[in-house]
């Protein structure tokens, strides 16, 4: 990619030469070979070091260009999503749905599901379920019997002579 081209996809100068006078090419690379602080490694000539510095600058320019292209494409993608009405919440919802589908088709889930099916169809599970069902029915019947007995006892008490006498006395205590 020609470093003199404008890579902004929305730019009116797209593809035209752009002044890169502020480019990193002129900025000295910290720790670069040939720096007076760092002597040349053994076996490396000044010419080889210069070639490596030049290649390093080109690679760094390419990295920066790729970052700019990626950033421009991300902005463009976000704009397209906005125009399509795709919000981050919708994307999250789709991601969760896809993840749940992935879980349901995973070997671990299928294995656990099969194991659960095996358990629910086992003789021990059926006996336990039957026993618990019977215990629930007996408990319900016992509570119904207790409730009926209490209701009958309260009715008997209300019809008793003692309660009638108490009721009469309370009825005579009208607040004036």
N, C-alpha and C. Protein backbone atom coordinates (compact mmCIF):
# COMPACT_ATOMS: atom_id res chain seq x y z
N UNK A 1 0.86 -1.18 0.00
CA UNK A 1 0.00 0.00 0.00
C UNK A 1 0.90 1.23 0.00
N UNK A 2 0.60 2.16 -0.82
CA UNK A 2 1.39 3.38 -0.94
C UNK A 2 1.13 4.26 0.28
N UNK A 3 2.15 4.55 1.09
CA UNK A 3 1.93 5.35 2.30
C UNK A 3 1.48 6.77 2.00
N UNK A 4 1.56 7.20 0.75
CA UNK A 4 1.14 8.58 0.44
C UNK A 4 -0.34 8.64 0.11
N UNK A 5 -1.05 7.51 0.17
CA UNK A 5 -2.48 7.53 -0.13
C UNK A 5 -3.29 7.72 1.15
N UNK A 6 -4.39 8.46 1.02
CA UNK A 6 -5.30 8.66 2.14
C UNK A 6 -6.16 7.41 2.25
N UNK A 7 -6.16 6.73 3.42
CA UNK A 7 -6.90 5.48 3.56
C UNK A 7 -8.27 5.67 4.20
N UNK A 8 -8.61 6.86 4.60
CA UNK A 8 -9.92 7.09 5.20
C UNK A 8 -10.98 6.84 4.14
N UNK A 9 -11.84 5.85 4.38
CA UNK A 9 -12.82 5.43 3.38
C UNK A 9 -13.86 6.50 3.10
N UNK A 10 -14.07 7.41 4.04
CA UNK A 10 -15.08 8.44 3.87
C UNK A 10 -14.47 9.78 3.44
N UNK A 11 -13.17 9.77 3.19
CA UNK A 11 -12.47 11.00 2.87
C UNK A 11 -12.69 11.41 1.42
N UNK A 12 -12.85 12.72 1.17
CA UNK A 12 -12.94 13.17 -0.23
C UNK A 12 -11.59 13.04 -0.94
N UNK A 13 -10.50 12.87 -0.19
CA UNK A 13 -9.17 12.73 -0.77
C UNK A 13 -8.77 11.27 -0.94
N UNK A 14 -9.73 10.35 -0.84
CA UNK A 14 -9.42 8.93 -0.89
C UNK A 14 -8.64 8.62 -2.15
N UNK A 15 -7.47 7.97 -1.96
CA UNK A 15 -6.65 7.56 -3.10
C UNK A 15 -5.75 8.65 -3.62
N UNK A 16 -5.88 9.87 -3.12
CA UNK A 16 -5.04 10.97 -3.59
C UNK A 16 -3.83 11.08 -2.70
N UNK A 17 -2.78 11.65 -3.22
CA UNK A 17 -1.58 11.84 -2.43
C UNK A 17 -1.85 12.78 -1.27
N UNK A 18 -1.33 12.45 -0.11
CA UNK A 18 -1.51 13.26 1.08
C UNK A 18 -0.14 13.53 1.68
N UNK A 19 0.06 14.72 2.19
CA UNK A 19 1.33 15.10 2.79
C UNK A 19 1.49 14.38 4.12
N UNK A 20 2.53 13.59 4.27
CA UNK A 20 2.81 12.89 5.52
C UNK A 20 4.04 13.49 6.18
N UNK A 21 4.14 14.80 6.20
CA UNK A 21 5.33 15.43 6.78
C UNK A 21 5.44 15.14 8.26
N UNK A 22 4.28 14.78 8.90
CA UNK A 22 4.33 14.46 10.32
C UNK A 22 4.46 12.95 10.53
N UNK A 23 4.85 12.23 9.50
CA UNK A 23 4.97 10.78 9.55
C UNK A 23 6.03 10.37 10.55
N UNK A 24 5.92 9.14 11.01
CA UNK A 24 6.89 8.61 11.97
C UNK A 24 8.22 8.28 11.30
N UNK A 25 8.27 8.35 9.97
CA UNK A 25 9.50 8.00 9.27
C UNK A 25 10.66 8.88 9.71
N UNK A 26 10.37 10.13 10.06
CA UNK A 26 11.44 11.03 10.45
C UNK A 26 11.76 10.96 11.94
N UNK A 27 10.90 10.25 12.71
CA UNK A 27 11.11 10.17 14.15
C UNK A 27 12.12 9.06 14.42
N UNK A 28 13.17 9.36 15.17
CA UNK A 28 14.16 8.32 15.46
C UNK A 28 13.52 7.25 16.34
N UNK A 29 13.83 6.00 16.04
CA UNK A 29 13.29 4.88 16.80
C UNK A 29 14.15 4.68 18.02
N UNK A 30 13.47 4.61 19.19
CA UNK A 30 14.20 4.45 20.44
C UNK A 30 14.90 3.10 20.41
N UNK A 31 16.14 3.08 20.71
CA UNK A 31 16.91 1.84 20.73
C UNK A 31 17.30 1.36 19.34
N UNK A 32 17.14 2.18 18.32
CA UNK A 32 17.46 1.76 16.97
C UNK A 32 18.96 1.54 16.83
N UNK A 33 19.31 0.63 15.91
CA UNK A 33 20.72 0.33 15.66
C UNK A 33 21.39 1.58 15.11
N UNK A 34 22.60 1.83 15.51
CA UNK A 34 23.30 3.02 15.02
C UNK A 34 23.16 4.15 16.01
N UNK A 35 22.33 3.99 16.99
CA UNK A 35 22.18 4.99 18.03
C UNK A 35 23.49 5.01 18.80
N UNK A 36 23.96 6.18 19.16
CA UNK A 36 25.27 6.29 19.81
C UNK A 36 25.27 5.59 21.16
N UNK A 37 24.08 5.43 21.79
CA UNK A 37 24.01 4.77 23.09
C UNK A 37 24.17 3.26 22.91
N UNK A 38 23.59 2.71 21.82
CA UNK A 38 23.66 1.27 21.57
C UNK A 38 24.62 1.00 20.41
N UNK A 39 25.76 0.40 20.68
CA UNK A 39 26.69 0.07 19.60
C UNK A 39 26.12 -1.05 18.73
N UNK A 40 26.67 -1.21 17.54
CA UNK A 40 26.22 -2.25 16.62
C UNK A 40 26.50 -3.62 17.23
N UNK A 41 25.53 -4.55 17.05
CA UNK A 41 25.78 -5.92 17.52
C UNK A 41 26.94 -6.51 16.73
N UNK A 42 27.65 -7.46 17.31
CA UNK A 42 28.78 -8.08 16.60
C UNK A 42 28.32 -8.74 15.30
N UNK A 43 29.08 -8.58 14.26
CA UNK A 43 28.79 -9.19 12.96
C UNK A 43 27.83 -8.39 12.11
N UNK A 44 27.43 -7.18 12.54
CA UNK A 44 26.48 -6.36 11.79
C UNK A 44 27.22 -5.11 11.32
N UNK A 45 27.22 -4.91 10.02
CA UNK A 45 27.90 -3.74 9.48
C UNK A 45 26.96 -2.53 9.55
N UNK A 46 27.52 -1.36 9.39
CA UNK A 46 26.73 -0.12 9.40
C UNK A 46 25.71 -0.15 8.27
N UNK A 47 26.08 -0.69 7.13
CA UNK A 47 25.18 -0.77 5.97
C UNK A 47 23.99 -1.69 6.28
N UNK A 48 24.27 -2.86 6.90
CA UNK A 48 23.19 -3.79 7.26
C UNK A 48 22.27 -3.16 8.30
N UNK A 49 22.86 -2.45 9.24
CA UNK A 49 22.06 -1.79 10.27
C UNK A 49 21.16 -0.73 9.65
N UNK A 50 21.67 0.00 8.68
CA UNK A 50 20.87 1.02 8.00
C UNK A 50 19.72 0.36 7.25
N UNK A 51 19.98 -0.78 6.58
CA UNK A 51 18.91 -1.51 5.87
C UNK A 51 17.83 -1.96 6.86
N UNK A 52 18.28 -2.48 8.01
CA UNK A 52 17.32 -2.94 9.02
C UNK A 52 16.48 -1.77 9.56
N UNK A 53 17.12 -0.61 9.78
CA UNK A 53 16.37 0.57 10.26
C UNK A 53 15.34 0.99 9.22
N UNK A 54 15.73 0.96 7.96
CA UNK A 54 14.82 1.34 6.88
C UNK A 54 13.65 0.37 6.82
N UNK A 55 13.95 -0.92 6.91
CA UNK A 55 12.88 -1.94 6.88
C UNK A 55 11.97 -1.79 8.10
N UNK A 56 12.56 -1.52 9.27
CA UNK A 56 11.78 -1.32 10.49
C UNK A 56 10.82 -0.15 10.34
N UNK A 57 11.30 0.96 9.76
CA UNK A 57 10.44 2.13 9.56
C UNK A 57 9.29 1.80 8.61
N UNK A 58 9.58 1.03 7.54
CA UNK A 58 8.53 0.65 6.59
C UNK A 58 7.48 -0.24 7.27
N UNK A 59 7.95 -1.20 8.06
CA UNK A 59 7.02 -2.10 8.75
C UNK A 59 6.16 -1.31 9.73
N UNK A 60 6.77 -0.37 10.47
CA UNK A 60 6.00 0.43 11.41
C UNK A 60 4.98 1.31 10.69
N UNK A 61 5.35 1.85 9.52
CA UNK A 61 4.40 2.64 8.72
C UNK A 61 3.24 1.76 8.27
N UNK A 62 3.56 0.53 7.84
CA UNK A 62 2.51 -0.40 7.41
C UNK A 62 1.57 -0.72 8.58
N UNK A 63 2.14 -0.92 9.75
CA UNK A 63 1.33 -1.22 10.94
C UNK A 63 0.39 -0.05 11.22
N UNK A 64 0.91 1.17 11.18
CA UNK A 64 0.07 2.35 11.42
C UNK A 64 -1.01 2.48 10.35
N UNK A 65 -0.64 2.22 9.11
CA UNK A 65 -1.61 2.30 8.01
C UNK A 65 -2.72 1.26 8.23
N UNK A 66 -2.33 0.05 8.60
CA UNK A 66 -3.32 -1.00 8.84
C UNK A 66 -4.24 -0.65 10.01
N UNK A 67 -3.67 -0.03 11.04
CA UNK A 67 -4.50 0.41 12.17
C UNK A 67 -5.53 1.44 11.70
N UNK A 68 -5.07 2.37 10.86
CA UNK A 68 -5.99 3.40 10.36
C UNK A 68 -7.07 2.78 9.48
N UNK A 69 -6.70 1.84 8.63
CA UNK A 69 -7.67 1.16 7.76
C UNK A 69 -8.68 0.40 8.62
N UNK A 70 -8.18 -0.33 9.60
CA UNK A 70 -9.07 -1.09 10.49
C UNK A 70 -10.03 -0.16 11.22
N UNK A 71 -9.52 0.95 11.72
CA UNK A 71 -10.36 1.92 12.41
C UNK A 71 -11.44 2.48 11.48
N UNK A 72 -11.05 2.80 10.26
CA UNK A 72 -12.02 3.33 9.29
C UNK A 72 -13.08 2.28 8.96
N UNK A 73 -12.67 1.02 8.82
CA UNK A 73 -13.62 -0.04 8.51
C UNK A 73 -14.56 -0.29 9.70
N UNK A 74 -14.03 -0.21 10.91
CA UNK A 74 -14.89 -0.38 12.09
C UNK A 74 -15.93 0.73 12.17
N UNK A 75 -15.52 1.97 11.88
CA UNK A 75 -16.48 3.09 11.87
C UNK A 75 -17.54 2.88 10.79
N UNK A 76 -17.09 2.42 9.63
CA UNK A 76 -18.01 2.18 8.51
C UNK A 76 -18.99 1.06 8.88
N UNK A 77 -18.50 0.01 9.50
CA UNK A 77 -19.37 -1.10 9.92
C UNK A 77 -20.38 -0.62 10.95
N UNK A 78 -19.94 0.21 11.90
CA UNK A 78 -20.85 0.74 12.92
C UNK A 78 -21.93 1.60 12.27
N UNK A 79 -21.56 2.39 11.27
CA UNK A 79 -22.54 3.23 10.56
C UNK A 79 -23.55 2.36 9.82
N UNK A 80 -23.07 1.31 9.17
CA UNK A 80 -23.98 0.39 8.46
C UNK A 80 -24.94 -0.29 9.44
N UNK A 81 -24.42 -0.71 10.58
CA UNK A 81 -25.27 -1.34 11.59
C UNK A 81 -26.33 -0.35 12.09
N UNK A 82 -25.91 0.90 12.29
CA UNK A 82 -26.85 1.92 12.76
C UNK A 82 -27.96 2.11 11.72
N UNK A 83 -27.57 2.17 10.44
CA UNK A 83 -28.57 2.36 9.38
C UNK A 83 -29.50 1.15 9.27
N UNK A 84 -29.01 -0.04 9.59
CA UNK A 84 -29.83 -1.24 9.54
C UNK A 84 -30.66 -1.44 10.82
N UNK A 85 -30.44 -0.56 11.78
CA UNK A 85 -31.19 -0.67 13.03
C UNK A 85 -30.65 -1.73 13.97
N UNK A 86 -29.42 -2.15 13.76
CA UNK A 86 -28.81 -3.14 14.64
C UNK A 86 -28.14 -2.43 15.80
N UNK A 87 -28.74 -2.55 16.97
CA UNK A 87 -28.16 -1.90 18.14
C UNK A 87 -27.26 -2.88 18.88
N UNK A 88 -26.41 -2.37 19.75
CA UNK A 88 -25.56 -3.27 20.54
C UNK A 88 -26.40 -4.25 21.36
N UNK A 89 -27.57 -3.81 21.82
CA UNK A 89 -28.44 -4.71 22.59
C UNK A 89 -28.93 -5.86 21.71
N UNK A 90 -29.32 -5.55 20.46
CA UNK A 90 -29.74 -6.61 19.55
C UNK A 90 -28.60 -7.58 19.27
N UNK A 91 -27.40 -7.04 19.10
CA UNK A 91 -26.24 -7.89 18.85
C UNK A 91 -25.98 -8.79 20.06
N UNK A 92 -26.09 -8.22 21.25
CA UNK A 92 -25.90 -9.00 22.47
C UNK A 92 -26.94 -10.11 22.54
N UNK A 93 -28.19 -9.77 22.24
CA UNK A 93 -29.27 -10.75 22.26
C UNK A 93 -28.97 -11.88 21.26
N UNK A 94 -28.50 -11.52 20.06
CA UNK A 94 -28.17 -12.53 19.06
C UNK A 94 -26.99 -13.40 19.52
N UNK A 95 -26.00 -12.76 20.15
CA UNK A 95 -24.85 -13.51 20.64
C UNK A 95 -25.26 -14.50 21.73
N UNK A 96 -26.14 -14.06 22.62
CA UNK A 96 -26.60 -14.94 23.69
C UNK A 96 -27.39 -16.11 23.11
N UNK A 97 -28.26 -15.81 22.14
CA UNK A 97 -29.04 -16.87 21.50
C UNK A 97 -28.12 -17.88 20.82
N UNK A 98 -27.12 -17.37 20.09
CA UNK A 98 -26.18 -18.26 19.42
C UNK A 98 -25.39 -19.07 20.44
N UNK A 99 -24.97 -18.44 21.52
CA UNK A 99 -24.21 -19.15 22.57
C UNK A 99 -25.07 -20.25 23.18
N UNK A 100 -26.34 -19.97 23.44
CA UNK A 100 -27.23 -20.97 24.02
C UNK A 100 -27.41 -22.14 23.05
N UNK A 101 -27.53 -21.83 21.76
CA UNK A 101 -27.64 -22.90 20.77
C UNK A 101 -26.36 -23.73 20.74
N UNK A 102 -25.22 -23.05 20.86
CA UNK A 102 -23.94 -23.77 20.90
C UNK A 102 -23.86 -24.68 22.12
N UNK A 103 -24.35 -24.18 23.25
CA UNK A 103 -24.35 -24.99 24.48
C UNK A 103 -25.23 -26.22 24.28
N UNK A 104 -26.41 -26.01 23.70
CA UNK A 104 -27.35 -27.12 23.53
C UNK A 104 -26.84 -28.19 22.58
N UNK A 105 -25.94 -27.83 21.69
CA UNK A 105 -25.40 -28.81 20.76
C UNK A 105 -24.02 -29.30 21.20
N UNK A 106 -23.54 -28.83 22.35
CA UNK A 106 -22.22 -29.25 22.83
C UNK A 106 -22.27 -30.68 23.35
N UNK A 107 -21.14 -31.35 23.30
CA UNK A 107 -21.06 -32.73 23.78
C UNK A 107 -21.40 -32.83 25.26
N UNK A 108 -20.94 -31.88 26.06
CA UNK A 108 -21.20 -31.92 27.51
C UNK A 108 -22.70 -31.83 27.78
N UNK A 109 -23.38 -30.91 27.10
CA UNK A 109 -24.82 -30.74 27.30
C UNK A 109 -25.58 -31.98 26.85
N UNK A 110 -25.23 -32.48 25.68
CA UNK A 110 -25.90 -33.67 25.17
C UNK A 110 -25.67 -34.87 26.08
N UNK A 111 -24.47 -34.98 26.60
CA UNK A 111 -24.14 -36.08 27.51
C UNK A 111 -24.94 -35.95 28.81
N UNK A 112 -24.99 -34.74 29.37
CA UNK A 112 -25.75 -34.51 30.61
C UNK A 112 -27.24 -34.75 30.37
N UNK A 113 -27.73 -34.32 29.23
CA UNK A 113 -29.14 -34.52 28.90
C UNK A 113 -29.46 -36.00 28.78
N UNK A 114 -28.58 -36.75 28.14
CA UNK A 114 -28.77 -38.20 28.00
C UNK A 114 -28.74 -38.87 29.37
N UNK A 115 -27.82 -38.43 30.23
CA UNK A 115 -27.73 -38.99 31.58
C UNK A 115 -29.01 -38.70 32.35
N UNK A 116 -29.52 -37.48 32.24
CA UNK A 116 -30.76 -37.12 32.92
C UNK A 116 -31.92 -37.96 32.40
N UNK A 117 -31.97 -38.19 31.10
CA UNK A 117 -33.01 -39.06 30.54
C UNK A 117 -32.89 -40.47 31.10
N UNK A 118 -31.66 -40.96 31.19
CA UNK A 118 -31.44 -42.29 31.75
C UNK A 118 -31.93 -42.36 33.19
N UNK A 119 -31.65 -41.32 33.96
CA UNK A 119 -32.06 -41.29 35.36
C UNK A 119 -33.58 -41.28 35.47
N UNK A 120 -34.24 -40.42 34.68
CA UNK A 120 -35.70 -40.30 34.79
C UNK A 120 -36.42 -41.56 34.31
N UNK A 121 -35.74 -42.37 33.53
CA UNK A 121 -36.35 -43.62 33.08
C UNK A 121 -35.89 -44.82 33.91
N UNK A 122 -35.10 -44.57 34.94
CA UNK A 122 -34.59 -45.68 35.76
C UNK A 122 -35.67 -46.14 36.74
N UNK A 123 -35.52 -47.37 37.19
CA UNK A 123 -36.48 -47.96 38.13
C UNK A 123 -36.44 -47.23 39.47
N UNK A 124 -35.24 -46.87 39.94
CA UNK A 124 -35.10 -46.17 41.22
C UNK A 124 -35.82 -44.82 41.18
N UNK A 125 -35.68 -44.10 40.09
CA UNK A 125 -36.35 -42.79 39.95
C UNK A 125 -37.86 -42.97 39.98
N UNK A 126 -38.35 -43.97 39.25
CA UNK A 126 -39.80 -44.20 39.20
C UNK A 126 -40.35 -44.57 40.58
N UNK A 127 -39.61 -45.42 41.33
CA UNK A 127 -40.05 -45.81 42.67
C UNK A 127 -40.04 -44.61 43.61
N UNK A 128 -38.99 -43.78 43.51
CA UNK A 128 -38.90 -42.59 44.36
C UNK A 128 -40.04 -41.63 44.03
N UNK A 129 -40.29 -41.43 42.76
CA UNK A 129 -41.38 -40.54 42.34
C UNK A 129 -42.73 -41.06 42.84
N UNK A 130 -42.93 -42.35 42.75
CA UNK A 130 -44.19 -42.95 43.19
C UNK A 130 -44.35 -42.81 44.71
N UNK A 131 -43.27 -43.06 45.44
CA UNK A 131 -43.30 -42.95 46.90
C UNK A 131 -43.61 -41.52 47.33
N UNK A 132 -42.93 -40.56 46.71
CA UNK A 132 -43.17 -39.15 47.05
C UNK A 132 -44.60 -38.74 46.69
N UNK A 133 -45.11 -39.24 45.61
CA UNK A 133 -46.49 -38.93 45.21
C UNK A 133 -47.47 -39.48 46.24
N UNK A 134 -47.26 -40.72 46.67
CA UNK A 134 -48.13 -41.32 47.68
C UNK A 134 -48.04 -40.55 49.00
N UNK A 135 -46.82 -40.17 49.39
CA UNK A 135 -46.63 -39.41 50.64
C UNK A 135 -47.38 -38.08 50.55
N UNK A 136 -47.34 -37.44 49.42
CA UNK A 136 -48.05 -36.18 49.23
C UNK A 136 -49.55 -36.37 49.33
N UNK A 137 -50.05 -37.43 48.74
CA UNK A 137 -51.49 -37.70 48.79
C UNK A 137 -51.93 -37.99 50.22
N UNK A 138 -51.13 -38.78 50.95
CA UNK A 138 -51.48 -39.11 52.34
C UNK A 138 -51.42 -37.87 53.22
N UNK A 139 -50.42 -37.02 52.99
CA UNK A 139 -50.31 -35.77 53.77
C UNK A 139 -51.51 -34.89 53.49
N UNK A 140 -51.89 -34.77 52.25
CA UNK A 140 -53.06 -33.96 51.87
C UNK A 140 -54.32 -34.51 52.52
N UNK A 141 -54.49 -35.82 52.49
CA UNK A 141 -55.67 -36.43 53.10
C UNK A 141 -55.68 -36.19 54.61
N UNK A 142 -54.51 -36.31 55.26
CA UNK A 142 -54.42 -36.09 56.70
C UNK A 142 -54.77 -34.65 57.06
N UNK A 143 -54.26 -33.72 56.29
CA UNK A 143 -54.55 -32.30 56.56
C UNK A 143 -56.04 -32.01 56.34
N UNK A 144 -56.64 -32.62 55.36
CA UNK A 144 -58.07 -32.45 55.12
C UNK A 144 -58.86 -32.99 56.30
N UNK A 145 -58.45 -34.14 56.81
CA UNK A 145 -59.13 -34.74 57.97
C UNK A 145 -58.99 -33.84 59.19
N UNK A 146 -57.79 -33.34 59.45
CA UNK A 146 -57.57 -32.43 60.58
C UNK A 146 -58.42 -31.18 60.43
N UNK A 147 -58.45 -30.63 59.24
CA UNK A 147 -59.26 -29.42 59.00
C UNK A 147 -60.73 -29.68 59.24
N UNK A 148 -61.21 -30.81 58.77
CA UNK A 148 -62.62 -31.17 58.99
C UNK A 148 -62.90 -31.35 60.47
N UNK A 149 -61.99 -31.99 61.19
CA UNK A 149 -62.18 -32.21 62.63
C UNK A 149 -62.22 -30.88 63.38
N UNK A 150 -61.34 -29.97 63.01
CA UNK A 150 -61.33 -28.66 63.67
C UNK A 150 -62.62 -27.91 63.38
N UNK A 151 -63.05 -27.94 62.14
CA UNK A 151 -64.30 -27.26 61.76
C UNK A 151 -65.48 -27.85 62.54
N UNK A 152 -65.51 -29.18 62.64
CA UNK A 152 -66.60 -29.83 63.38
C UNK A 152 -66.55 -29.45 64.85
N UNK A 153 -65.36 -29.43 65.44
CA UNK A 153 -65.20 -29.09 66.86
C UNK A 153 -65.62 -27.64 67.11
N UNK A 154 -65.25 -26.73 66.23
CA UNK A 154 -65.65 -25.33 66.41
C UNK A 154 -67.17 -25.20 66.30
N UNK A 155 -67.77 -25.96 65.39
CA UNK A 155 -69.24 -25.94 65.27
C UNK A 155 -69.89 -26.49 66.51
N UNK A 156 -69.34 -27.59 67.05
CA UNK A 156 -69.89 -28.16 68.29
C UNK A 156 -69.74 -27.17 69.44
N UNK A 157 -68.61 -26.52 69.53
CA UNK A 157 -68.38 -25.57 70.62
C UNK A 157 -69.34 -24.39 70.51
N UNK A 158 -69.60 -23.95 69.30
CA UNK A 158 -70.49 -22.80 69.12
C UNK A 158 -71.92 -23.15 69.53
N UNK A 159 -72.27 -24.39 69.36
CA UNK A 159 -73.62 -24.83 69.74
C UNK A 159 -73.70 -25.27 71.19
N UNK A 160 -72.59 -25.23 71.93
CA UNK A 160 -72.60 -25.67 73.33
C UNK A 160 -73.28 -24.62 74.20
N UNK A 161 -73.75 -25.09 75.34
CA UNK A 161 -74.45 -24.21 76.30
C UNK A 161 -73.50 -23.15 76.83
N UNK A 162 -72.28 -23.49 77.06
CA UNK A 162 -71.31 -22.53 77.61
C UNK A 162 -71.10 -21.37 76.63
N UNK A 163 -70.94 -21.71 75.36
CA UNK A 163 -70.71 -20.67 74.35
C UNK A 163 -71.96 -19.81 74.20
N UNK A 164 -73.14 -20.42 74.21
CA UNK A 164 -74.39 -19.67 74.10
C UNK A 164 -74.51 -18.69 75.25
N UNK A 165 -74.17 -19.14 76.45
CA UNK A 165 -74.25 -18.27 77.63
C UNK A 165 -73.27 -17.11 77.47
N UNK A 166 -72.04 -17.42 77.02
CA UNK A 166 -71.02 -16.38 76.81
C UNK A 166 -71.49 -15.39 75.76
N UNK A 167 -72.09 -15.92 74.69
CA UNK A 167 -72.56 -15.07 73.59
C UNK A 167 -73.67 -14.14 74.08
N UNK A 168 -74.55 -14.68 74.91
CA UNK A 168 -75.64 -13.84 75.46
C UNK A 168 -75.09 -12.73 76.33
N UNK A 169 -74.11 -13.06 77.18
CA UNK A 169 -73.52 -12.05 78.06
C UNK A 169 -72.81 -10.97 77.26
N UNK A 170 -72.12 -11.35 76.20
CA UNK A 170 -71.42 -10.38 75.36
C UNK A 170 -72.41 -9.50 74.61
N UNK A 171 -73.53 -10.07 74.22
CA UNK A 171 -74.55 -9.32 73.51
C UNK A 171 -75.21 -8.27 74.39
N UNK A 172 -75.25 -8.52 75.70
CA UNK A 172 -75.87 -7.58 76.65
C UNK A 172 -74.93 -6.42 77.00
N UNK A 173 -73.67 -6.53 76.67
CA UNK A 173 -72.71 -5.46 76.97
C UNK A 173 -72.58 -4.46 75.83
N UNK A 174 -73.64 -3.93 75.39
CA UNK A 174 -73.62 -2.96 74.32
C UNK A 174 -73.10 -1.64 74.84
N UNK A 175 -72.23 -1.05 74.09
CA UNK A 175 -71.64 0.23 74.49
C UNK A 175 -72.65 1.32 74.15
N UNK A 176 -72.94 2.16 75.13
CA UNK A 176 -73.91 3.21 74.91
C UNK A 176 -73.23 4.50 74.59
